[in-house]
Amino acid sequence: MSFMPYVAPEQLMKDRSDYAHKGIARGRSVIGLEFADGLLFIAENPSATLHKISEIYDRIAFAGVGKYSEFEELRIAGIRLADMRGYSYGREDVKARDLANAYSQALSTIFTQQMKPYEVEILVGEVDGEQDGTSLYHVLFDGSVSDEQGCVAVGGHAEELTDSMRQRYDGSWDLATAVRTSVEVLGSPESRTVEPSSVEAGVLDRTREPRRKFRRLAAEEISGFLA
């Protein structure tokens, strides 16, 4: 007769947490920050097709770090949930807070009930009207969710990058200043220069007239900001 060895719940949760932390730390970071006209998500990502930053809905964007297949699965689930809520009720009823809570519940269930936790951290951001309507949520692999103010970094060197960013942060930055400063901060832990070709960035621009506020920054635009 086979049997499972006993492991204390505290030790089991610690082992899962350590495993997820190690997986996330191997990846490059993403920075999310508020600037004068909305929200900027920026990351070091040499791939031109496997995006870390994407649109979820009209005024909502998503950024993920860690294992690509896992945060891509979460992104697709978020799009489906947003579409269903917008179709069933109204487009104005789709909120980043509700998506962040749904992600939190899903990741918490995976962390506690499955053998292997997801090796991901995600950001969900929204712009809504004036600057005080901007929201940015940070969801951890264990389902913990926090409402961030100003700026936050996720992924490898997250604490160091967040501290460095907050020392320099100014909410009145224009887009060019926000991009330049973020790229400098992304390279600071290893004292290196991040090449413009390796930068992925997307913005939620509240000044855009169409309903959809998200746009991905083109390589030429990023290179111009960093020149």
Protein backbone atom coordinates (compact mmCIF):
# COMPACT_ATOMS: atom_id res chain seq x y z
CA MET A 1 0.00 0.00 0.00
CA SER A 2 1.46 3.35 -1.02
CA PHE A 3 1.04 6.44 1.09
CA MET A 4 1.91 10.11 0.84
CA PRO A 5 4.44 11.39 3.37
CA TYR A 6 3.11 14.04 5.72
CA VAL A 7 4.21 17.61 5.05
CA ALA A 8 3.19 20.43 7.37
CA PRO A 9 0.88 22.94 5.63
CA GLU A 10 3.25 25.81 6.50
CA GLN A 11 6.17 24.01 4.85
CA LEU A 12 4.07 23.11 1.80
CA MET A 13 3.02 26.74 1.25
CA LYS A 14 6.61 27.92 1.75
CA ASP A 15 7.94 25.43 -0.79
CA ARG A 16 5.34 26.48 -3.36
CA SER A 17 6.08 30.14 -2.73
CA ASP A 18 9.84 29.63 -3.11
CA TYR A 19 9.28 27.68 -6.32
CA ALA A 20 7.12 30.43 -7.83
CA HIS A 21 9.52 33.19 -6.72
CA LYS A 22 12.45 31.45 -8.42
CA GLY A 23 10.55 31.04 -11.67
CA ILE A 24 9.44 34.67 -11.73
CA ALA A 25 12.90 35.99 -10.84
CA ARG A 26 14.42 34.37 -13.93
CA GLY A 27 12.39 36.64 -16.23
CA ARG A 28 12.79 40.28 -17.17
CA SER A 29 10.75 42.86 -15.30
CA VAL A 30 7.79 45.03 -16.24
CA ILE A 31 7.23 48.54 -14.89
CA GLY A 32 3.78 50.09 -14.68
CA LEU A 33 3.41 53.78 -13.92
CA GLU A 34 1.00 56.65 -14.13
CA PHE A 35 2.02 59.64 -16.25
CA ALA A 36 0.26 62.88 -17.18
CA ASP A 37 -2.00 61.36 -19.85
CA GLY A 38 -2.62 57.85 -18.53
CA LEU A 39 -0.78 54.63 -17.75
CA LEU A 40 2.47 53.28 -19.22
CA PHE A 41 3.50 49.63 -19.16
CA ILE A 42 7.09 49.02 -20.24
CA ALA A 43 9.30 45.94 -20.25
CA GLU A 44 12.52 44.53 -21.59
CA ASN A 45 11.41 41.93 -24.11
CA PRO A 46 13.61 40.94 -27.07
CA SER A 47 10.76 38.98 -28.70
CA ALA A 48 8.75 40.82 -31.35
CA THR A 49 5.74 38.49 -31.15
CA LEU A 50 5.50 37.06 -27.60
CA HIS A 51 4.12 40.13 -25.88
CA LYS A 52 4.16 40.78 -22.15
CA ILE A 53 1.86 43.81 -22.50
CA SER A 54 -1.57 43.64 -24.10
CA GLU A 55 -5.02 45.17 -24.26
CA ILE A 56 -7.84 43.51 -22.31
CA TYR A 57 -10.76 45.85 -23.02
CA ASP A 58 -11.58 49.43 -24.01
CA ARG A 59 -9.79 51.14 -21.11
CA ILE A 60 -8.00 48.18 -19.54
CA ALA A 61 -4.51 46.75 -20.15
CA PHE A 62 -2.61 43.72 -18.86
CA ALA A 63 1.08 43.02 -18.25
CA GLY A 64 2.60 39.74 -17.10
CA VAL A 65 5.97 38.35 -16.06
CA GLY A 66 7.12 34.81 -15.41
CA LYS A 67 6.15 31.77 -17.45
CA TYR A 68 4.74 32.99 -20.75
CA SER A 69 2.25 30.18 -21.33
CA GLU A 70 0.72 30.74 -17.89
CA PHE A 71 0.24 34.49 -18.00
CA GLU A 72 -0.95 34.23 -21.61
CA GLU A 73 -3.63 31.81 -20.41
CA LEU A 74 -4.66 34.36 -17.78
CA ARG A 75 -4.72 37.16 -20.36
CA ILE A 76 -7.05 35.21 -22.65
CA ALA A 77 -9.34 34.32 -19.73
CA GLY A 78 -9.47 38.01 -18.78
CA ILE A 79 -10.48 39.02 -22.30
CA ARG A 80 -13.28 36.43 -22.31
CA LEU A 81 -14.54 37.58 -18.92
CA ALA A 82 -14.47 41.25 -19.97
CA ASP A 83 -16.26 40.53 -23.24
CA MET A 84 -18.95 38.50 -21.49
CA ARG A 85 -19.55 41.19 -18.86
CA GLY A 86 -19.60 43.95 -21.46
CA TYR A 87 -22.05 42.03 -23.64
CA SER A 88 -24.33 41.01 -20.77
CA TYR A 89 -24.48 44.41 -19.04
CA GLY A 90 -22.66 47.33 -20.67
CA ARG A 91 -19.16 48.28 -21.75
CA GLU A 92 -18.93 50.82 -18.93
CA ASP A 93 -19.50 48.00 -16.40
CA VAL A 94 -16.18 46.30 -17.24
CA LYS A 95 -13.74 47.41 -14.52
CA ALA A 96 -10.09 46.57 -13.83
CA ARG A 97 -10.97 45.98 -10.17
CA ASP A 98 -13.34 43.14 -11.09
CA LEU A 99 -10.74 41.57 -13.38
CA ALA A 100 -8.06 41.84 -10.69
CA ASN A 101 -10.38 40.14 -8.20
CA ALA A 102 -11.13 37.36 -10.69
CA TYR A 103 -7.40 36.83 -11.30
CA SER A 104 -6.83 36.84 -7.54
CA GLN A 105 -9.41 34.12 -6.95
CA ALA A 106 -8.11 31.96 -9.80
CA LEU A 107 -4.46 32.21 -8.73
CA SER A 108 -5.34 31.59 -5.08
CA THR A 109 -7.19 28.40 -6.03
CA ILE A 110 -4.30 27.21 -8.20
CA PHE A 111 -1.76 28.00 -5.48
CA THR A 112 -3.58 26.11 -2.73
CA GLN A 113 -5.09 23.17 -4.62
CA GLN A 114 -2.71 22.29 -7.44
CA MET A 115 0.67 20.63 -7.08
CA LYS A 116 2.51 23.33 -9.02
CA PRO A 117 1.67 27.04 -8.58
CA TYR A 118 1.68 29.44 -11.51
CA GLU A 119 5.02 31.21 -11.91
CA VAL A 120 3.48 34.59 -12.73
CA GLU A 121 2.90 38.11 -11.52
CA ILE A 122 0.50 40.37 -13.35
CA LEU A 123 -0.53 44.00 -13.54
CA VAL A 124 -4.00 45.18 -14.53
CA GLY A 125 -4.47 48.88 -15.26
CA GLU A 126 -7.38 51.12 -16.21
CA VAL A 127 -7.92 54.75 -17.17
CA ASP A 128 -11.33 56.26 -16.62
CA GLY A 129 -11.96 59.93 -17.27
CA GLU A 130 -9.76 62.25 -15.24
CA GLN A 131 -6.44 61.41 -13.60
CA ASP A 132 -8.07 60.39 -10.31
CA GLY A 133 -9.89 57.65 -12.22
CA THR A 134 -6.65 55.80 -13.01
CA SER A 135 -6.15 52.45 -11.25
CA LEU A 136 -3.31 49.94 -11.20
CA TYR A 137 -3.58 46.50 -9.57
CA HIS A 138 -0.76 44.07 -8.81
CA VAL A 139 -1.69 40.38 -8.49
CA LEU A 140 0.83 37.84 -7.14
CA PHE A 141 1.14 34.13 -7.89
CA ASP A 142 -0.67 33.23 -4.64
CA GLY A 143 -3.66 35.44 -5.37
CA SER A 144 -2.59 38.40 -3.23
CA VAL A 145 -3.81 41.63 -4.84
CA SER A 146 -2.82 45.22 -4.09
CA ASP A 147 -3.88 48.61 -5.40
CA GLU A 148 -0.68 50.40 -6.42
CA GLN A 149 -0.21 54.16 -6.49
CA GLY A 150 2.11 55.93 -8.92
CA CYS A 151 4.42 53.16 -10.07
CA VAL A 152 5.38 49.54 -9.45
CA ALA A 153 7.74 46.92 -10.90
CA VAL A 154 7.14 43.17 -11.13
CA GLY A 155 9.44 40.29 -12.03
CA GLY A 156 13.16 39.93 -11.39
CA HIS A 157 14.71 42.67 -9.17
CA ALA A 158 11.16 43.93 -8.51
CA GLU A 159 11.87 45.50 -5.10
CA GLU A 160 15.05 47.20 -6.27
CA LEU A 161 13.37 48.54 -9.41
CA THR A 162 10.31 49.77 -7.50
CA ASP A 163 12.47 51.61 -4.96
CA SER A 164 14.58 53.17 -7.71
CA MET A 165 11.52 54.20 -9.67
CA ARG A 166 9.78 55.77 -6.69
CA GLN A 167 12.84 57.85 -5.86
CA ARG A 168 12.64 59.46 -9.30
CA TYR A 169 8.92 59.30 -10.01
CA ASP A 170 6.82 62.33 -10.90
CA GLY A 171 3.19 61.91 -11.92
CA SER A 172 3.36 64.97 -14.19
CA TRP A 173 5.83 63.35 -16.63
CA ASP A 174 4.95 63.36 -20.31
CA LEU A 175 5.19 60.07 -22.23
CA ALA A 176 8.73 60.64 -23.52
CA THR A 177 10.09 61.33 -20.02
CA ALA A 178 8.25 58.33 -18.57
CA VAL A 179 9.71 56.02 -21.24
CA ARG A 180 13.27 57.32 -20.89
CA THR A 181 13.29 57.11 -17.10
CA SER A 182 11.69 53.65 -17.06
CA VAL A 183 14.26 52.24 -19.49
CA GLU A 184 17.10 53.70 -17.40
CA VAL A 185 15.62 52.08 -14.28
CA LEU A 186 15.16 48.70 -16.03
CA GLY A 187 18.90 48.53 -16.72
CA SER A 188 20.03 49.89 -13.35
CA PRO A 189 20.24 46.63 -11.29
CA GLU A 190 22.95 45.28 -13.59
CA SER A 191 24.39 48.69 -14.55
CA ARG A 192 23.71 48.20 -18.23
CA THR A 193 21.96 49.99 -21.07
CA VAL A 194 18.77 48.43 -22.39
CA GLU A 195 18.72 48.57 -26.18
CA PRO A 196 15.68 50.27 -27.75
CA SER A 197 15.07 47.20 -29.91
CA SER A 198 14.53 45.15 -26.73
CA VAL A 199 11.93 47.50 -25.24
CA GLU A 200 8.21 46.69 -25.35
CA ALA A 201 5.79 49.40 -24.27
CA GLY A 202 2.07 50.07 -24.32
CA VAL A 203 -0.01 52.95 -23.01
CA LEU A 204 -3.55 53.57 -21.88
CA ASP A 205 -3.97 57.13 -23.15
CA ARG A 206 -7.02 58.87 -21.71
CA THR A 207 -6.71 61.67 -24.31
CA ARG A 208 -7.49 59.34 -27.23
CA GLU A 209 -10.85 60.13 -28.75
CA PRO A 210 -11.88 56.60 -29.81
CA ARG A 211 -13.43 54.28 -27.27
CA ARG A 212 -10.29 52.14 -27.10
CA LYS A 213 -7.57 53.82 -25.05
CA PHE A 214 -4.77 51.25 -25.49
CA ARG A 215 -2.02 51.58 -28.06
CA ARG A 216 1.28 49.78 -28.46
CA LEU A 217 4.32 52.01 -28.94
CA ALA A 218 6.09 51.36 -32.23
CA ALA A 219 9.84 50.64 -32.26
CA GLU A 220 10.50 53.92 -34.09
CA GLU A 221 8.62 55.90 -31.44
CA ILE A 222 10.53 54.23 -28.61
CA SER A 223 13.86 54.83 -30.37
CA GLY A 224 12.94 58.50 -30.79
CA PHE A 225 12.20 58.86 -27.08
CA LEU A 226 15.53 57.23 -26.16
CA ALA A 227 17.66 59.06 -28.71
